[in-house]
Protein backbone atom coordinates (compact mmCIF):
# COMPACT_ATOMS: atom_id res chain seq x y z
CA MET A 1 30.45 -249.51 35.99
CA SER A 2 29.60 -249.39 32.30
CA THR A 3 30.59 -252.09 29.86
CA PHE A 4 32.98 -249.62 28.26
CA GLY A 5 34.53 -248.99 31.68
CA SER A 6 35.16 -252.70 32.01
CA LEU A 7 37.49 -252.44 29.01
CA ASN A 8 39.78 -250.26 31.08
CA THR A 9 39.72 -252.82 33.87
CA ALA A 10 40.80 -255.56 31.45
CA LEU A 11 43.44 -253.23 29.97
CA SER A 12 44.89 -252.57 33.43
CA GLY A 13 45.21 -256.32 33.92
CA LEU A 14 47.04 -256.65 30.61
CA ASN A 15 49.43 -253.82 31.45
CA ALA A 16 50.09 -255.16 34.95
CA ALA A 17 50.84 -258.68 33.71
CA ARG A 18 53.08 -257.32 30.98
CA ALA A 19 55.02 -255.15 33.46
CA ALA A 20 55.43 -258.09 35.83
CA MET A 21 56.74 -260.28 32.99
CA GLU A 22 59.19 -257.55 31.98
CA VAL A 23 60.51 -257.34 35.53
CA ALA A 24 60.85 -261.13 35.74
CA GLY A 25 62.61 -261.13 32.39
CA ASN A 26 65.00 -258.45 33.60
CA ASN A 27 65.77 -260.55 36.67
CA LEU A 28 66.49 -263.57 34.50
CA ALA A 29 68.71 -261.51 32.20
CA ASN A 30 70.79 -260.36 35.21
CA VAL A 31 71.05 -263.69 36.99
CA ALA A 32 74.85 -263.65 36.56
CA THR A 33 75.37 -259.89 36.96
CA PRO A 34 77.63 -259.17 39.97
CA GLY A 35 75.90 -257.06 42.60
CA TYR A 36 72.46 -257.28 41.00
CA THR A 37 69.56 -257.25 43.44
CA ARG A 38 66.31 -258.99 42.51
CA GLN A 39 63.41 -256.70 41.62
CA ARG A 40 59.68 -257.12 41.91
CA ALA A 41 56.80 -255.30 40.25
CA GLU A 42 54.34 -253.92 42.80
CA PHE A 43 50.64 -253.31 42.25
CA GLN A 44 47.59 -252.17 44.12
CA SER A 45 43.89 -252.44 43.44
CA ALA A 46 42.27 -249.50 41.66
CA GLY A 47 39.30 -248.41 43.73
CA ALA A 48 35.87 -247.76 42.39
CA VAL A 49 35.01 -244.36 41.00
CA ALA A 50 33.20 -242.23 43.54
CA SER A 51 29.58 -241.49 42.64
CA THR A 52 27.38 -238.58 43.64
CA GLY A 53 23.78 -237.77 43.24
CA LYS A 54 20.52 -239.34 44.29
CA ILE A 55 20.34 -241.85 41.50
CA THR A 56 23.37 -244.07 42.10
CA SER A 57 23.86 -247.75 42.39
CA SER A 58 24.76 -249.09 45.80
CA GLY A 59 27.44 -251.53 44.63
CA ARG A 60 30.49 -250.14 42.85
CA ILE A 61 33.09 -252.53 41.40
CA ASP A 62 36.83 -251.71 41.54
CA GLN A 63 38.49 -250.67 38.32
CA GLY A 64 41.29 -253.20 38.06
CA VAL A 65 44.93 -252.91 39.06
CA VAL A 66 47.44 -250.07 39.20
CA PHE A 67 51.19 -250.55 38.66
CA THR A 68 52.85 -248.64 41.52
CA GLY A 69 56.53 -249.24 40.77
CA ILE A 70 59.45 -251.64 40.98
CA ALA A 71 60.72 -252.73 44.39
CA ARG A 72 64.37 -253.60 44.90
CA LEU A 73 64.43 -256.59 47.25
CA ALA A 74 67.42 -255.55 49.33
CA ASP A 75 67.71 -256.15 53.08
CA ALA A 76 69.39 -253.23 54.86
CA SER A 77 70.35 -255.34 57.89
CA LEU A 78 71.95 -258.03 55.71
CA ASP A 79 73.81 -255.37 53.72
CA ALA A 80 75.17 -253.89 56.96
CA ARG A 81 76.18 -257.37 58.15
CA VAL A 82 78.03 -258.00 54.90
CA ARG A 83 79.88 -254.69 55.14
CA GLY A 84 80.94 -255.38 58.71
CA THR A 85 82.14 -258.93 58.11
CA VAL A 86 83.86 -258.05 54.84
CA ALA A 87 85.79 -255.25 56.60
CA LEU A 88 87.04 -257.64 59.28
CA ALA A 89 87.85 -260.35 56.74
CA SER A 90 89.85 -257.90 54.63
CA GLN A 91 91.73 -256.67 57.70
CA SER A 92 92.55 -260.19 58.86
CA SER A 93 93.62 -261.26 55.37
CA VAL A 94 96.14 -258.42 55.01
CA ARG A 95 97.62 -259.10 58.45
CA ALA A 96 97.82 -262.85 57.82
CA ASP A 97 99.50 -262.34 54.44
CA ALA A 98 102.02 -259.94 55.97
CA MET A 99 102.93 -262.39 58.72
CA ALA A 100 103.18 -265.26 56.21
CA ASP A 101 105.57 -263.18 54.09
CA LEU A 102 107.63 -262.31 57.16
CA GLU A 103 107.76 -265.96 58.21
CA SER A 104 108.98 -266.94 54.74
CA ILE A 105 111.86 -264.47 55.06
CA LEU A 106 113.15 -266.37 58.11
CA ARG A 107 113.41 -269.68 56.18
CA GLU A 108 113.07 -271.69 59.36
CA PRO A 109 113.41 -274.56 59.78
CA GLY A 110 115.78 -275.40 56.96
CA GLU A 111 119.38 -275.53 55.88
CA ASN A 112 119.22 -271.93 54.68
CA GLY A 113 117.93 -270.60 57.98
CA LEU A 114 120.12 -268.57 60.29
CA SER A 115 119.90 -271.24 62.99
CA ALA A 116 121.67 -273.81 60.79
CA LEU A 117 124.25 -271.24 59.63
CA LEU A 118 125.06 -270.22 63.20
CA ASN A 119 125.40 -273.87 64.22
CA ASP A 120 127.88 -274.35 61.38
CA PHE A 121 129.73 -271.24 62.51
CA TRP A 122 130.13 -272.47 66.09
CA ALA A 123 131.07 -275.95 64.82
CA GLY A 124 133.76 -274.26 62.73
CA TRP A 125 135.30 -272.82 65.89
CA GLU A 126 135.35 -276.31 67.42
CA ASP A 127 137.20 -277.60 64.36
CA VAL A 128 139.73 -274.77 64.65
CA ALA A 129 140.13 -275.47 68.38
CA GLY A 130 141.14 -279.03 67.49
CA GLN A 131 143.50 -277.88 64.72
CA PRO A 132 145.00 -274.51 65.74
CA GLY A 133 146.87 -272.84 62.88
CA ASP A 134 145.43 -275.19 60.24
CA ALA A 135 144.79 -273.09 57.11
CA ALA A 136 141.96 -275.30 55.79
CA ALA A 137 140.00 -275.29 59.06
CA GLY A 138 140.45 -271.53 59.33
CA ALA A 139 139.26 -270.97 55.76
CA VAL A 140 136.14 -273.08 56.37
CA LEU A 141 135.37 -271.12 59.54
CA LEU A 142 135.65 -267.76 57.76
CA GLN A 143 133.45 -269.01 54.93
CA ARG A 144 130.81 -270.13 57.43
CA ALA A 145 131.01 -266.80 59.21
CA GLN A 146 130.49 -265.02 55.90
CA SER A 147 127.45 -267.19 55.14
CA ALA A 148 125.85 -266.30 58.48
CA VAL A 149 126.59 -262.61 57.98
CA ASP A 150 125.23 -262.64 54.43
CA ARG A 151 122.04 -264.25 55.68
CA ILE A 152 121.54 -261.58 58.34
CA VAL A 153 122.11 -258.77 55.83
CA GLN A 154 119.80 -260.44 53.32
CA MET A 155 117.00 -260.80 55.87
CA ASP A 156 117.39 -257.15 56.84
CA ASP A 157 117.08 -256.15 53.17
CA GLU A 158 114.06 -258.40 52.66
CA ILE A 159 112.26 -257.03 55.74
CA ASN A 160 112.90 -253.47 54.55
CA GLY A 161 111.73 -254.48 51.08
CA GLN A 162 108.52 -255.93 52.52
CA TRP A 163 107.97 -252.71 54.47
CA THR A 164 108.32 -250.67 51.26
CA SER A 165 105.96 -253.01 49.41
CA GLN A 166 103.38 -252.80 52.18
CA ARG A 167 103.53 -249.00 52.09
CA GLN A 168 103.03 -248.97 48.32
CA ASP A 169 100.03 -251.28 48.71
CA LEU A 170 98.63 -249.00 51.40
CA SER A 171 99.06 -245.97 49.16
CA THR A 172 97.20 -247.82 46.39
CA ARG A 173 94.35 -248.62 48.78
CA ILE A 174 94.08 -244.96 49.77
CA ASP A 175 93.82 -243.96 46.10
CA ASP A 176 91.20 -246.67 45.58
CA LEU A 177 89.19 -245.41 48.56
CA ASN A 178 89.27 -241.82 47.29
CA ALA A 179 88.14 -242.84 43.80
CA THR A 180 85.40 -245.07 45.21
CA ALA A 181 84.13 -242.28 47.47
CA GLN A 182 83.88 -240.00 44.44
CA GLY A 183 81.87 -242.70 42.69
CA VAL A 184 79.43 -242.97 45.60
CA ALA A 185 78.97 -239.18 45.66
CA ALA A 186 78.26 -239.11 41.91
CA LEU A 187 75.72 -241.93 42.23
CA ASN A 188 74.06 -240.11 45.14
CA GLY A 189 73.35 -237.21 42.81
CA GLN A 190 72.00 -239.43 40.05
CA ILE A 191 69.78 -241.43 42.42
CA ARG A 192 68.35 -238.29 44.01
CA SER A 193 67.53 -236.77 40.62
CA LEU A 194 66.01 -239.96 39.23
CA THR A 195 63.94 -240.57 42.35
CA ALA A 196 62.61 -237.00 42.28
CA ALA A 197 61.63 -237.48 38.63
CA GLY A 198 59.61 -240.59 39.51
CA GLY A 199 62.02 -243.07 37.91
CA SER A 200 63.33 -246.38 39.26
CA PRO A 201 66.93 -246.09 40.52
CA ALA A 202 67.32 -249.83 41.18
CA ALA A 203 70.31 -250.26 38.85
CA LEU A 204 72.04 -247.21 40.33
CA LEU A 205 71.36 -248.48 43.84
CA ASP A 206 73.05 -251.77 42.94
CA GLN A 207 76.11 -249.91 41.68
CA ARG A 208 76.27 -247.76 44.78
CA SER A 209 75.84 -250.78 47.05
CA GLN A 210 78.91 -252.38 45.47
CA LEU A 211 80.96 -249.20 45.89
CA VAL A 212 79.88 -248.78 49.52
CA GLU A 213 80.82 -252.39 50.20
CA ARG A 214 84.24 -251.69 48.70
CA LEU A 215 84.64 -248.69 51.01
CA ALA A 216 83.77 -250.91 53.98
CA GLU A 217 86.30 -253.49 52.82
CA LEU A 218 88.99 -250.82 52.62
CA SER A 219 88.24 -248.79 55.73
CA GLY A 220 85.42 -250.36 57.75
CA ALA A 221 83.17 -247.44 56.78
CA SER A 222 79.60 -247.29 58.06
CA VAL A 223 76.56 -246.12 56.07
CA ARG A 224 73.65 -243.86 56.95
CA GLU A 225 70.67 -243.82 54.57
CA LEU A 226 68.79 -240.56 54.05
CA PRO A 227 65.15 -239.95 53.01
CA ASP A 228 66.09 -238.43 49.65
CA GLY A 229 67.71 -241.71 48.52
CA THR A 230 71.31 -240.64 49.18
CA VAL A 231 73.65 -242.15 51.75
CA ASP A 232 76.32 -240.74 54.03
CA VAL A 233 79.50 -242.78 54.41
CA LEU A 234 81.25 -242.34 57.75
CA LEU A 235 84.74 -243.13 58.98
CA GLU A 236 84.69 -243.41 62.75
CA GLY A 237 81.83 -240.90 62.82
CA SER A 238 83.44 -238.41 60.42
CA PRO A 239 81.82 -238.05 56.97
CA LEU A 240 83.73 -239.36 53.99
CA VAL A 241 80.76 -238.92 51.65
CA THR A 242 77.86 -236.53 52.26
CA GLY A 243 75.35 -236.18 49.46
CA THR A 244 77.29 -235.32 46.32
CA THR A 245 80.41 -234.27 48.26
CA ALA A 246 83.27 -236.70 48.82
CA ARG A 247 86.27 -235.95 50.99
CA SER A 248 89.62 -237.64 50.40
CA LEU A 249 92.40 -239.15 52.51
CA GLN A 250 96.15 -238.96 52.18
CA LEU A 251 99.01 -241.07 53.45
CA SER A 252 101.50 -239.42 55.77
CA GLY A 253 104.76 -240.67 57.22
CA GLY A 254 108.17 -241.96 56.26
CA ARG A 255 109.31 -243.99 53.30
CA ASN A 256 111.07 -246.67 55.32
CA SER A 257 110.77 -248.39 58.69
CA GLU A 258 113.20 -245.98 60.34
CA ASP A 259 111.23 -242.81 59.51
CA ALA A 260 108.18 -241.40 61.26
CA ALA A 261 105.18 -243.63 61.73
CA VAL A 262 102.82 -243.95 58.78
CA SER A 263 99.35 -242.48 59.29
CA VAL A 264 96.23 -241.58 57.32
CA ARG A 265 94.99 -237.99 57.40
CA TRP A 266 92.23 -235.90 55.82
CA SER A 267 93.40 -234.11 52.70
CA HIS A 268 91.49 -230.96 53.65
CA ARG A 269 92.73 -231.16 57.27
CA PRO A 270 96.26 -232.62 57.19
CA ASP A 271 96.68 -232.11 60.94
CA ASP A 272 93.77 -234.45 61.71
CA GLN A 273 94.69 -238.11 61.82
CA VAL A 274 92.04 -240.67 60.84
CA SER A 275 91.67 -243.62 63.19
CA LEU A 276 90.50 -246.83 61.55
CA ASP A 277 89.60 -250.03 63.40
CA ALA A 278 88.74 -252.30 60.45
CA GLY A 279 89.40 -252.80 56.78
CA SER A 280 92.54 -253.44 54.77
CA ILE A 281 93.83 -249.89 55.32
CA ALA A 282 93.69 -250.36 59.09
CA ALA A 283 95.59 -253.63 58.69
CA GLY A 284 98.21 -251.95 56.52
CA LEU A 285 98.72 -249.24 59.14
CA ALA A 286 99.13 -251.89 61.84
CA VAL A 287 101.70 -253.78 59.76
CA LEU A 288 103.70 -250.58 59.19
CA SER A 289 103.45 -249.24 62.73
CA PRO A 290 106.59 -248.91 64.90
CA ALA A 291 107.80 -251.79 67.05
CA THR A 292 105.63 -252.28 70.12
CA GLY A 293 107.24 -255.37 71.60
CA SER A 294 104.54 -257.60 70.12
CA TYR A 295 104.04 -258.94 66.61
CA SER A 296 100.31 -258.20 66.76
CA SER A 297 101.20 -254.61 65.79
CA GLY A 298 104.26 -253.38 63.93
CA PRO A 299 105.57 -256.86 63.04
CA LEU A 300 108.04 -255.66 60.42
CA ALA A 301 109.60 -253.02 62.66
CA GLN A 302 109.62 -255.53 65.52
CA ALA A 303 111.39 -258.16 63.41
CA ALA A 304 113.92 -255.62 62.12
CA ALA A 305 114.64 -254.44 65.68
CA GLN A 306 115.15 -258.01 66.92
CA LEU A 307 117.38 -258.81 63.97
CA ASP A 308 119.48 -255.76 64.86
CA ARG A 309 119.83 -257.05 68.43
CA ILE A 310 120.87 -260.46 67.15
CA ALA A 311 123.53 -259.00 64.86
CA LEU A 312 124.82 -256.71 67.60
CA ARG A 313 124.88 -259.48 70.20
CA LEU A 314 126.72 -261.81 67.82
CA ALA A 315 129.34 -259.21 66.90
CA GLU A 316 129.92 -257.97 70.46
CA ALA A 317 130.19 -261.44 72.00
CA VAL A 318 132.57 -262.84 69.36
CA ASN A 319 134.71 -259.67 69.26
CA GLN A 320 135.04 -259.59 73.04
CA VAL A 321 136.29 -263.17 73.27
CA HIS A 322 138.42 -262.85 70.16
CA HIS A 323 140.16 -259.81 71.63
CA SER A 324 141.23 -261.84 74.65
CA GLY A 325 143.09 -264.44 72.57
CA LEU A 326 146.27 -264.73 70.53
CA THR A 327 146.87 -266.02 67.03
CA SER A 328 149.17 -269.01 66.41
CA ALA A 329 151.87 -266.45 65.66
CA GLY A 330 151.40 -264.85 69.11
CA THR A 331 149.76 -261.59 67.97
CA PRO A 332 146.69 -260.28 69.84
CA GLY A 333 143.33 -260.95 68.26
CA GLY A 334 141.39 -258.03 66.83
CA ASP A 335 137.75 -257.54 65.91
CA PHE A 336 136.28 -260.55 64.12
CA PHE A 337 133.13 -258.70 63.01
CA GLY A 338 132.69 -255.13 61.92
CA ILE A 339 129.34 -253.48 62.66
CA ASP A 340 127.64 -250.08 62.65
CA PRO A 341 125.59 -249.69 65.85
CA ALA A 342 123.17 -247.43 63.97
CA ASN A 343 122.33 -250.23 61.51
CA PRO A 344 123.58 -253.51 62.98
CA ALA A 345 121.80 -256.08 60.80
CA GLY A 346 122.46 -254.18 57.59
CA SER A 347 126.14 -253.48 58.26
CA ILE A 348 127.60 -256.57 59.96
CA LYS A 349 130.57 -258.03 58.10
CA VAL A 350 133.56 -260.34 58.62
CA LEU A 351 136.82 -258.36 59.02
CA LEU A 352 139.30 -261.25 58.84
CA HIS A 353 140.53 -262.55 55.50
CA ASP A 354 142.92 -265.32 56.50
CA GLY A 355 142.89 -268.20 58.98
CA SER A 356 146.19 -267.01 60.43
CA GLN A 357 144.34 -264.00 61.89
CA LEU A 358 142.20 -266.18 64.13
CA ALA A 359 142.94 -265.75 67.85
CA THR A 360 142.65 -269.44 68.72
CA GLY A 361 144.78 -269.52 71.91
CA LEU A 362 145.12 -267.75 75.22
CA PRO A 363 148.23 -265.96 76.52
CA GLY A 364 150.81 -268.51 77.64
CA GLY A 365 149.13 -271.39 75.86
CA GLY A 366 151.59 -271.67 72.97
CA ALA A 367 151.14 -271.76 69.21
CA LEU A 368 148.99 -274.90 69.23
CA ASP A 369 146.64 -273.73 71.99
CA GLY A 370 142.95 -273.84 70.92
CA SER A 371 141.34 -272.93 74.22
CA ASN A 372 140.17 -269.49 73.06
CA ALA A 373 138.61 -271.01 69.92
CA GLN A 374 136.78 -273.43 72.21
CA LYS A 375 135.50 -270.50 74.27
CA LEU A 376 134.19 -268.96 71.07
CA ALA A 377 132.49 -272.23 70.13
CA GLU A 378 130.68 -272.22 73.48
CA LEU A 379 129.07 -268.84 72.74
CA GLY A 380 126.36 -270.62 70.76
CA LYS A 381 125.07 -272.18 73.98
CA THR A 382 124.70 -269.03 76.07
CA PRO A 383 121.08 -268.42 77.15
CA ASP A 384 121.13 -264.76 76.11
CA GLY A 385 123.29 -265.17 73.00
CA ALA A 386 122.48 -264.58 69.35
CA ASP A 387 121.14 -268.14 68.92
CA ALA A 388 118.68 -267.76 71.79
CA LEU A 389 117.50 -264.39 70.49
CA TRP A 390 117.05 -265.84 67.02
CA SER A 391 115.10 -268.81 68.36
CA ARG A 392 112.80 -266.44 70.25
CA LEU A 393 112.21 -264.39 67.10
CA VAL A 394 111.33 -267.46 65.06
CA ILE A 395 108.94 -268.78 67.70
CA GLU A 396 107.16 -265.43 68.12
CA VAL A 397 106.79 -264.88 64.37
CA GLY A 398 105.57 -268.44 63.83
CA ALA A 399 103.02 -268.27 66.64
CA THR A 400 101.70 -264.89 65.50
CA SER A 401 101.52 -266.06 61.89
CA ARG A 402 99.46 -269.10 62.85
CA ALA A 403 97.15 -266.99 65.01
CA GLU A 404 96.63 -264.48 62.19
CA ALA A 405 95.99 -267.27 59.68
CA THR A 406 93.37 -268.78 61.98
CA GLN A 407 91.72 -265.39 62.47
CA ALA A 408 91.74 -264.76 58.71
CA LEU A 409 90.05 -268.10 58.06
CA SER A 410 87.42 -267.46 60.73
CA SER A 411 86.71 -263.95 59.41
CA ALA A 412 86.50 -265.19 55.83
CA MET A 413 83.96 -267.83 56.87
CA ALA A 414 81.87 -265.18 58.65
CA ALA A 415 81.96 -262.97 55.57
CA ASP A 416 81.00 -265.88 53.32
CA GLY A 417 78.09 -266.67 55.62
CA ALA A 418 76.85 -263.08 55.49
CA VAL A 419 77.16 -262.95 51.70
CA THR A 420 75.34 -266.26 51.40
CA ALA A 421 72.50 -265.01 53.61
CA ARG A 422 72.16 -261.87 51.52
CA HIS A 423 72.32 -263.91 48.33
CA GLY A 424 69.46 -266.07 49.54
CA ALA A 425 67.34 -263.00 50.28
CA SER A 426 68.06 -260.76 47.31
CA ALA A 427 69.75 -262.73 44.54
CA VAL A 428 67.88 -263.99 41.48
CA SER A 429 66.52 -267.54 41.65
CA LEU A 430 65.96 -269.10 38.25
CA ASP A 431 63.22 -271.35 39.59
CA GLU A 432 61.33 -268.51 41.26
CA GLU A 433 61.55 -266.24 38.24
CA ASN A 434 60.45 -268.96 35.84
CA ILE A 435 57.43 -269.67 38.05
CA ALA A 436 56.68 -265.95 38.26
CA LEU A 437 57.01 -265.61 34.50
CA LEU A 438 54.60 -268.48 33.93
CA SER A 439 52.14 -267.10 36.50
CA HIS A 440 52.13 -263.63 34.94
CA GLN A 441 51.80 -265.14 31.49
CA HIS A 442 48.57 -266.85 32.58
CA ALA A 443 47.39 -263.60 34.16
CA TYR A 444 48.01 -261.85 30.84
CA GLN A 445 46.05 -264.54 29.00
CA GLY A 446 43.20 -264.19 31.53
CA ALA A 447 43.03 -260.42 31.08
CA ALA A 448 43.08 -260.89 27.33
CA ARG A 449 40.19 -263.36 27.63
CA VAL A 450 38.21 -260.82 29.64
CA LEU A 451 38.91 -258.21 26.98
CA THR A 452 37.71 -260.62 24.26
CA ALA A 453 34.52 -261.37 26.17
CA LEU A 454 33.81 -257.65 26.62
CA ASP A 455 34.45 -257.08 22.94
CA GLU A 456 31.90 -259.75 22.05
CA MET A 457 29.38 -258.23 24.47
CA LEU A 458 29.81 -254.78 22.98
CA ASP A 459 29.53 -256.16 19.47
CA THR A 460 26.21 -257.76 20.38
CA LEU A 461 25.04 -254.58 22.08
CA ILE A 462 26.05 -252.20 19.32
CA ASN A 463 25.37 -254.24 16.21
CA GLY A 464 22.58 -256.49 17.43
CA THR A 465 20.30 -254.07 19.26
CA GLY A 466 16.93 -253.64 17.46
CA ARG A 467 17.42 -256.59 15.19
CA VAL A 468 14.65 -258.87 16.39
CA GLY A 469 13.57 -261.97 14.62
CA ARG A 470 16.35 -261.93 12.05
């Protein structure tokens, strides 16, 4: 290699060190940027120039270093692990929140819970049994009955309101998924074009990685990377995003818990239902599904159905016994509660307006007979009565809520662990980048020193040759 050729070797060292410092500086500048993946400048040795001919030297020195590009230090396996754990964590979180909201509607245990109100109602019948015909005792009983009825109706409204809110949230998630899929498709096109042009798509890859992770969080989507730099996003094996094309989903089903089951379908194929096993959308569908007999699926419909049974059991049992009695004036007792069998919890109401309408006695017992009121008071102790059904509902909701909360915590910890592992592998470390910056700075100074030495050699060669003895 000629002395002039050595200048190019020194120049390559300067350029390589400068590029490495620029990459380290970019890493430091993005240390707090969400979703940023650490980058690294990559180099390879420039081989010696091939020589031909008979008069050649046997030893050829390499010509420095060549900057080959910028590597994005992402780990595909860690990214996949994050997507999987985030999808499960999101699913568990939505289910746990839904069960916590449902549990709060019950207000148990507490003085405003239905259990306490029913106990007061049955105690009111015992008071009336001890004081048949007493206007004050009758008025208190009717007021307690109205409180219990109001609570049942209120819970029915709140459960229906929660169902509507959950459906609105699910619709919002579907819109979010469609918009995010469009974003991934657009970035696919940009990354493919930039890669083909020889550019570095690292920043675009970071943006796409965040969007793909959001899709996984929403739907449990899986990702398939392609050689041209694009990715396919799949929902249970069906493509949501392919290249620059993004399909969309739509929400189908009723607007309340009594309509048809809510489902997710392809917009371009409305007859094809999309089955999702993970993600917040899957959790929303499970929360809104019809009653299945278990609170693990369809908890709102299940709670509404059980509340209907409670209201119907309460009304039928009290009305039946009340019909068999007589008021203090000797008139037969009528219906105590009014109820629509098509909507028991939402329609139950107290029909009596005065204590004199209470059928406290039995035929032949006389005006001061309270035996029928005592029979009514005993209804609260029946093993298949409204109180027992309510107690079962509260226990099942509480147990399911605790189980979902535990699962949500476990899933969140798994997701945090996966994110932490990825952060350790691909996030920017201030210490590492500062060391790299210092190392490349010294490399730059070394290359500059080589360049200075070559300059001095050439100066001696060019300006000093032939000047002997001066």
